[in-house]
PDB file of N, CA and C in Angstrom:
ATOM      1  N   UNK A   1       0.849  -1.170   0.000  1.00  0.00           N
ATOM      2  CA  UNK A   1       0.000   0.000   0.000  1.00  0.00           C
ATOM      3  C   UNK A   1       0.898   1.238   0.000  1.00  0.00           C
ATOM      4  N   UNK A   2       0.649   2.133  -0.896  1.00  0.00           N
ATOM      5  CA  UNK A   2       1.447   3.343  -1.048  1.00  0.00           C
ATOM      6  C   UNK A   2       0.839   4.443  -0.179  1.00  0.00           C
ATOM      7  N   UNK A   3       1.525   4.822   0.893  1.00  0.00           N
ATOM      8  CA  UNK A   3       1.022   5.821   1.837  1.00  0.00           C
ATOM      9  C   UNK A   3       0.968   7.206   1.193  1.00  0.00           C
ATOM     10  N   UNK A   4       1.969   7.559   0.424  1.00  0.00           N
ATOM     11  CA  UNK A   4       1.998   8.876  -0.225  1.00  0.00           C
ATOM     12  C   UNK A   4       0.863   8.996  -1.240  1.00  0.00           C
ATOM     13  N   UNK A   5       0.638   7.954  -2.012  1.00  0.00           N
ATOM     14  CA  UNK A   5      -0.453   7.968  -2.997  1.00  0.00           C
ATOM     15  C   UNK A   5      -1.807   8.039  -2.316  1.00  0.00           C
ATOM     16  N   UNK A   6      -1.961   7.295  -1.228  1.00  0.00           N
ATOM     17  CA  UNK A   6      -3.214   7.317  -0.473  1.00  0.00           C
ATOM     18  C   UNK A   6      -3.472   8.696   0.121  1.00  0.00           C
ATOM     19  N   UNK A   7      -2.418   9.306   0.632  1.00  0.00           N
ATOM     20  CA  UNK A   7      -2.539  10.649   1.189  1.00  0.00           C
ATOM     21  C   UNK A   7      -2.963  11.654   0.118  1.00  0.00           C
ATOM     22  N   UNK A   8      -2.367  11.535  -1.069  1.00  0.00           N
ATOM     23  CA  UNK A   8      -2.714  12.436  -2.175  1.00  0.00           C
ATOM     24  C   UNK A   8      -4.170  12.247  -2.595  1.00  0.00           C
ATOM     25  N   UNK A   9      -4.594  11.003  -2.704  1.00  0.00           N
ATOM     26  CA  UNK A   9      -5.974  10.722  -3.092  1.00  0.00           C
ATOM     27  C   UNK A   9      -6.948  11.262  -2.050  1.00  0.00           C
ATOM     28  N   UNK A  10      -6.640  11.063  -0.777  1.00  0.00           N
ATOM     29  CA  UNK A  10      -7.528  11.570   0.288  1.00  0.00           C
ATOM     30  C   UNK A  10      -7.569  13.095   0.295  1.00  0.00           C
ATOM     31  N   UNK A  11      -6.420  13.720   0.054  1.00  0.00           N
ATOM     32  CA  UNK A  11      -6.369  15.177   0.001  1.00  0.00           C
ATOM     33  C   UNK A  11      -7.195  15.715  -1.168  1.00  0.00           C
ATOM     34  N   UNK A  12      -7.086  15.091  -2.324  1.00  0.00           N
ATOM     35  CA  UNK A  12      -7.877  15.514  -3.491  1.00  0.00           C
ATOM     36  C   UNK A  12      -9.366  15.303  -3.248  1.00  0.00           C
ATOM     37  N   UNK A  13      -9.704  14.223  -2.584  1.00  0.00           N
ATOM     38  CA  UNK A  13     -11.101  13.948  -2.272  1.00  0.00           C
ATOM     39  C   UNK A  13     -11.658  15.022  -1.341  1.00  0.00           C
ATOM     40  N   UNK A  14     -10.881  15.377  -0.332  1.00  0.00           N
ATOM     41  CA  UNK A  14     -11.321  16.435   0.587  1.00  0.00           C
ATOM     42  C   UNK A  14     -11.448  17.769  -0.130  1.00  0.00           C
ATOM     43  N   UNK A  15     -10.522  18.060  -1.025  1.00  0.00           N
ATOM     44  CA  UNK A  15     -10.569  19.306  -1.789  1.00  0.00           C
ATOM     45  C   UNK A  15     -11.816  19.348  -2.664  1.00  0.00           C
ATOM     46  N   UNK A  16     -12.125  18.257  -3.349  1.00  0.00           N
ATOM     47  CA  UNK A  16     -13.318  18.209  -4.195  1.00  0.00           C
ATOM     48  C   UNK A  16     -14.587  18.357  -3.365  1.00  0.00           C
ATOM     49  N   UNK A  17     -14.620  17.730  -2.198  1.00  0.00           N
ATOM     50  CA  UNK A  17     -15.786  17.847  -1.326  1.00  0.00           C
ATOM     51  C   UNK A  17     -15.954  19.278  -0.835  1.00  0.00           C
ATOM     52  N   UNK A  18     -14.868  19.896  -0.414  1.00  0.00           N
ATOM     53  CA  UNK A  18     -14.931  21.285   0.057  1.00  0.00           C
ATOM     54  C   UNK A  18     -15.363  22.231  -1.056  1.00  0.00           C
ATOM     55  N   UNK A  19     -14.808  22.020  -2.251  1.00  0.00           N
ATOM     56  CA  UNK A  19     -15.176  22.866  -3.389  1.00  0.00           C
ATOM     57  C   UNK A  19     -16.659  22.693  -3.728  1.00  0.00           C
ATOM     58  N   UNK A  20     -17.119  21.454  -3.729  1.00  0.00           N
ATOM     59  CA  UNK A  20     -18.530  21.193  -4.022  1.00  0.00           C
ATOM     60  C   UNK A  20     -19.450  21.832  -2.997  1.00  0.00           C
ATOM     61  N   UNK A  21     -19.069  21.799  -1.737  1.00  0.00           N
ATOM     62  CA  UNK A  21     -19.885  22.411  -0.693  1.00  0.00           C
ATOM     63  C   UNK A  21     -19.914  23.935  -0.827  1.00  0.00           C
ATOM     64  N   UNK A  22     -18.785  24.540  -1.186  1.00  0.00           N
ATOM     65  CA  UNK A  22     -18.744  25.995  -1.395  1.00  0.00           C
ATOM     66  C   UNK A  22     -19.634  26.398  -2.576  1.00  0.00           C
ATOM     67  N   UNK A  23     -19.576  25.615  -3.653  1.00  0.00           N
ATOM     68  CA  UNK A  23     -20.414  25.926  -4.815  1.00  0.00           C
ATOM     69  C   UNK A  23     -21.891  25.751  -4.484  1.00  0.00           C
ATOM     70  N   UNK A  24     -22.229  24.721  -3.733  1.00  0.00           N
ATOM     71  CA  UNK A  24     -23.612  24.514  -3.314  1.00  0.00           C
ATOM     72  C   UNK A  24     -24.087  25.653  -2.433  1.00  0.00           C
ATOM     73  N   UNK A  25     -23.243  26.119  -1.528  1.00  0.00           N
ATOM     74  CA  UNK A  25     -23.589  27.239  -0.652  1.00  0.00           C
ATOM     75  C   UNK A  25     -23.840  28.505  -1.469  1.00  0.00           C
ATOM     76  N   UNK A  26     -22.974  28.758  -2.451  1.00  0.00           N
ATOM     77  CA  UNK A  26     -23.138  29.933  -3.303  1.00  0.00           C
ATOM     78  C   UNK A  26     -24.424  29.830  -4.138  1.00  0.00           C
ATOM     79  N   UNK A  27     -24.723  28.647  -4.641  1.00  0.00           N
ATOM     80  CA  UNK A  27     -25.947  28.433  -5.412  1.00  0.00           C
ATOM     81  C   UNK A  27     -27.189  28.628  -4.549  1.00  0.00           C
ATOM     82  N   UNK A  28     -27.132  28.136  -3.323  1.00  0.00           N
ATOM     83  CA  UNK A  28     -28.271  28.309  -2.420  1.00  0.00           C
ATOM     84  C   UNK A  28     -28.480  29.782  -2.059  1.00  0.00           C
ATOM     85  N   UNK A  29     -27.387  30.522  -1.862  1.00  0.00           N
ATOM     86  CA  UNK A  29     -27.497  31.953  -1.579  1.00  0.00           C
ATOM     87  C   UNK A  29     -28.124  32.692  -2.763  1.00  0.00           C
ATOM     88  N   UNK A  30     -27.687  32.353  -3.966  1.00  0.00           N
ATOM     89  CA  UNK A  30     -28.235  32.987  -5.163  1.00  0.00           C
ATOM     90  C   UNK A  30     -29.722  32.676  -5.318  1.00  0.00           C
ATOM     91  N   UNK A  31     -30.099  31.422  -5.089  1.00  0.00           N
ATOM     92  CA  UNK A  31     -31.509  31.041  -5.196  1.00  0.00           C
ATOM     93  C   UNK A  31     -32.345  31.750  -4.132  1.00  0.00           C
ATOM     94  N   UNK A  32     -31.799  31.917  -2.950  1.00  0.00           N
ATOM     95  CA  UNK A  32     -32.513  32.607  -1.875  1.00  0.00           C
ATOM     96  C   UNK A  32     -32.753  34.068  -2.241  1.00  0.00           C
ATOM     97  N   UNK A  33     -31.730  34.735  -2.782  1.00  0.00           N
ATOM     98  CA  UNK A  33     -31.863  36.138  -3.192  1.00  0.00           C
ATOM     99  C   UNK A  33     -32.880  36.269  -4.319  1.00  0.00           C
ATOM    100  N   UNK A  34     -32.795  35.379  -5.311  1.00  0.00           N
ATOM    101  CA  UNK A  34     -33.731  35.442  -6.427  1.00  0.00           C
ATOM    102  C   UNK A  34     -35.160  35.168  -5.964  1.00  0.00           C
ATOM    103  N   UNK A  35     -35.323  34.252  -5.035  1.00  0.00           N
ATOM    104  CA  UNK A  35     -36.655  33.955  -4.513  1.00  0.00           C
ATOM    105  C   UNK A  35     -37.250  35.129  -3.770  1.00  0.00           C
ATOM    106  N   UNK A  36     -36.451  35.810  -2.964  1.00  0.00           N
ATOM    107  CA  UNK A  36     -36.969  36.967  -2.238  1.00  0.00           C
ATOM    108  C   UNK A  36     -37.274  38.120  -3.185  1.00  0.00           C
ATOM    109  N   UNK A  37     -36.452  38.288  -4.223  1.00  0.00           N
ATOM    110  CA  UNK A  37     -36.743  39.325  -5.220  1.00  0.00           C
ATOM    111  C   UNK A  37     -38.021  39.015  -5.982  1.00  0.00           C
ATOM    112  N   UNK A  38     -38.247  37.757  -6.297  1.00  0.00           N
ATOM    113  CA  UNK A  38     -39.477  37.356  -6.983  1.00  0.00           C
ATOM    114  C   UNK A  38     -40.691  37.593  -6.098  1.00  0.00           C
ATOM    115  N   UNK A  39     -40.571  37.287  -4.818  1.00  0.00           N
ATOM    116  CA  UNK A  39     -41.679  37.511  -3.887  1.00  0.00           C
ATOM    117  C   UNK A  39     -41.986  39.000  -3.773  1.00  0.00           C
ATOM    118  N   UNK A  40     -40.962  39.847  -3.731  1.00  0.00           N
ATOM    119  CA  UNK A  40     -41.179  41.293  -3.681  1.00  0.00           C
ATOM    120  C   UNK A  40     -41.836  41.785  -4.962  1.00  0.00           C
ATOM    121  N   UNK A  41     -41.420  41.246  -6.107  1.00  0.00           N
ATOM    122  CA  UNK A  41     -41.984  41.667  -7.379  1.00  0.00           C
ATOM    123  C   UNK A  41     -43.459  41.269  -7.464  1.00  0.00           C
ATOM    124  N   UNK A  42     -43.790  40.074  -7.020  1.00  0.00           N
ATOM    125  CA  UNK A  42     -45.182  39.626  -7.042  1.00  0.00           C
ATOM    126  C   UNK A  42     -46.034  40.447  -6.078  1.00  0.00           C
ATOM    127  N   UNK A  43     -45.473  40.761  -4.913  1.00  0.00           N
ATOM    128  CA  UNK A  43     -46.223  41.538  -3.923  1.00  0.00           C
ATOM    129  C   UNK A  43     -46.464  42.971  -4.387  1.00  0.00           C
ATOM    130  N   UNK A  44     -45.603  43.498  -5.259  1.00  0.00           N
ATOM    131  CA  UNK A  44     -45.760  44.880  -5.693  1.00  0.00           C
ATOM    132  C   UNK A  44     -46.832  45.043  -6.783  1.00  0.00           C
ATOM    133  N   UNK A  45     -47.257  43.953  -7.411  1.00  0.00           N
ATOM    134  CA  UNK A  45     -48.273  44.024  -8.465  1.00  0.00           C
ATOM    135  C   UNK A  45     -49.659  44.043  -7.810  1.00  0.00           C
ATOM    136  N   UNK A  46     -50.514  44.994  -8.196  1.00  0.00           N
ATOM    137  CA  UNK A  46     -51.872  45.013  -7.638  1.00  0.00           C
ATOM    138  C   UNK A  46     -52.628  43.717  -7.949  1.00  0.00           C
ATOM    139  N   UNK A  47     -53.504  43.331  -7.050  1.00  0.00           N
ATOM    140  CA  UNK A  47     -54.230  42.071  -7.183  1.00  0.00           C
ATOM    141  C   UNK A  47     -55.099  42.049  -8.438  1.00  0.00           C
ATOM    142  N   UNK A  48     -55.765  43.146  -8.748  1.00  0.00           N
ATOM    143  CA  UNK A  48     -56.631  43.186  -9.927  1.00  0.00           C
ATOM    144  C   UNK A  48     -55.817  42.972 -11.207  1.00  0.00           C
ATOM    145  N   UNK A  49     -54.677  43.577 -11.264  1.00  0.00           N
ATOM    146  CA  UNK A  49     -53.826  43.418 -12.448  1.00  0.00           C
ATOM    147  C   UNK A  49     -53.325  41.981 -12.553  1.00  0.00           C
ATOM    148  N   UNK A  50     -53.008  41.379 -11.417  1.00  0.00           N
ATOM    149  CA  UNK A  50     -52.549  39.992 -11.422  1.00  0.00           C
ATOM    150  C   UNK A  50     -53.677  39.076 -11.889  1.00  0.00           C
ATOM    151  N   UNK A  51     -54.900  39.325 -11.439  1.00  0.00           N
ATOM    152  CA  UNK A  51     -56.039  38.503 -11.847  1.00  0.00           C
ATOM    153  C   UNK A  51     -56.289  38.622 -13.343  1.00  0.00           C
ATOM    154  N   UNK A  52     -56.159  39.823 -13.886  1.00  0.00           N
ATOM    155  CA  UNK A  52     -56.362  40.002 -15.323  1.00  0.00           C
ATOM    156  C   UNK A  52     -55.269  39.311 -16.132  1.00  0.00           C
ATOM    157  N   UNK A  53     -54.079  39.228 -15.613  1.00  0.00           N
ATOM    158  CA  UNK A  53     -53.022  38.562 -16.361  1.00  0.00           C
ATOM    159  C   UNK A  53     -53.244  37.054 -16.396  1.00  0.00           C
ATOM    160  N   UNK A  54     -53.906  36.512 -15.376  1.00  0.00           N
ATOM    161  CA  UNK A  54     -54.176  35.079 -15.332  1.00  0.00           C
ATOM    162  C   UNK A  54     -55.449  34.740 -16.107  1.00  0.00           C
ATOM    163  N   UNK A  55     -56.499  35.538 -15.914  1.00  0.00           N
ATOM    164  CA  UNK A  55     -57.796  35.334 -16.573  1.00  0.00           C
ATOM    165  C   UNK A  55     -58.192  36.615 -17.300  1.00  0.00           C
ATOM    166  N   UNK A  56     -57.653  36.892 -18.472  1.00  0.00           N
ATOM    167  CA  UNK A  56     -57.882  38.189 -19.115  1.00  0.00           C
ATOM    168  C   UNK A  56     -59.314  38.415 -19.595  1.00  0.00           C
ATOM    169  N   UNK A  57     -60.098  37.355 -19.795  1.00  0.00           N
ATOM    170  CA  UNK A  57     -61.429  37.541 -20.353  1.00  0.00           C
ATOM    171  C   UNK A  57     -62.526  37.546 -19.305  1.00  0.00           C
ATOM    172  N   UNK A  58     -62.218  37.220 -18.085  1.00  0.00           N
ATOM    173  CA  UNK A  58     -63.242  37.191 -17.041  1.00  0.00           C
ATOM    174  C   UNK A  58     -63.626  38.619 -16.679  1.00  0.00           C
ATOM    175  N   UNK A  59     -64.899  38.916 -16.756  1.00  0.00           N
ATOM    176  CA  UNK A  59     -65.405  40.223 -16.384  1.00  0.00           C
ATOM    177  C   UNK A  59     -65.363  41.248 -17.491  1.00  0.00           C
ATOM    178  N   UNK A  60     -64.808  40.918 -18.649  1.00  0.00           N
ATOM    179  CA  UNK A  60     -64.725  41.908 -19.714  1.00  0.00           C
ATOM    180  C   UNK A  60     -66.036  42.010 -20.495  1.00  0.00           C
ATOM    181  N   UNK A  61     -66.842  40.940 -20.499  1.00  0.00           N
ATOM    182  CA  UNK A  61     -68.133  40.961 -21.186  1.00  0.00           C
ATOM    183  C   UNK A  61     -69.176  40.342 -20.266  1.00  0.00           C
ATOM    184  N   UNK A  62     -70.350  40.927 -20.273  1.00  0.00           N
ATOM    185  CA  UNK A  62     -71.422  40.349 -19.491  1.00  0.00           C
ATOM    186  C   UNK A  62     -72.762  40.656 -20.158  1.00  0.00           C
ATOM    187  N   UNK A  63     -73.722  39.779 -19.962  1.00  0.00           N
ATOM    188  CA  UNK A  63     -75.055  39.944 -20.521  1.00  0.00           C
ATOM    189  C   UNK A  63     -75.982  40.447 -19.425  1.00  0.00           C
ATOM    190  N   UNK A  64     -76.761  41.454 -19.779  1.00  0.00           N
ATOM    191  CA  UNK A  64     -77.752  41.985 -18.836  1.00  0.00           C
ATOM    192  C   UNK A  64     -79.122  41.730 -19.422  1.00  0.00           C
ATOM    193  N   UNK A  65     -79.946  41.018 -18.701  1.00  0.00           N
ATOM    194  CA  UNK A  65     -81.331  40.751 -19.141  1.00  0.00           C
ATOM    195  C   UNK A  65     -82.271  41.250 -18.069  1.00  0.00           C
ATOM    196  N   UNK A  66     -83.231  41.997 -18.495  1.00  0.00           N
ATOM    197  CA  UNK A  66     -84.204  42.511 -17.553  1.00  0.00           C
ATOM    198  C   UNK A  66     -85.574  41.921 -17.860  1.00  0.00           C
TER     199      UNK A  66
END
């Protein structure tokens, strides 16, 4: 068993794990910021305007019979 080779492999494995965790942390931070910005953007739109964007034809025409 080669101790130096094993040490190198373990060191590279730890480096890859640490790098992967840092990238995951950065990705999670970015997703958190984007999610909060999206929530603020949705909250800033008036409810009536949001309803019209989802159902544009509801309420635009109606029949009145007397």
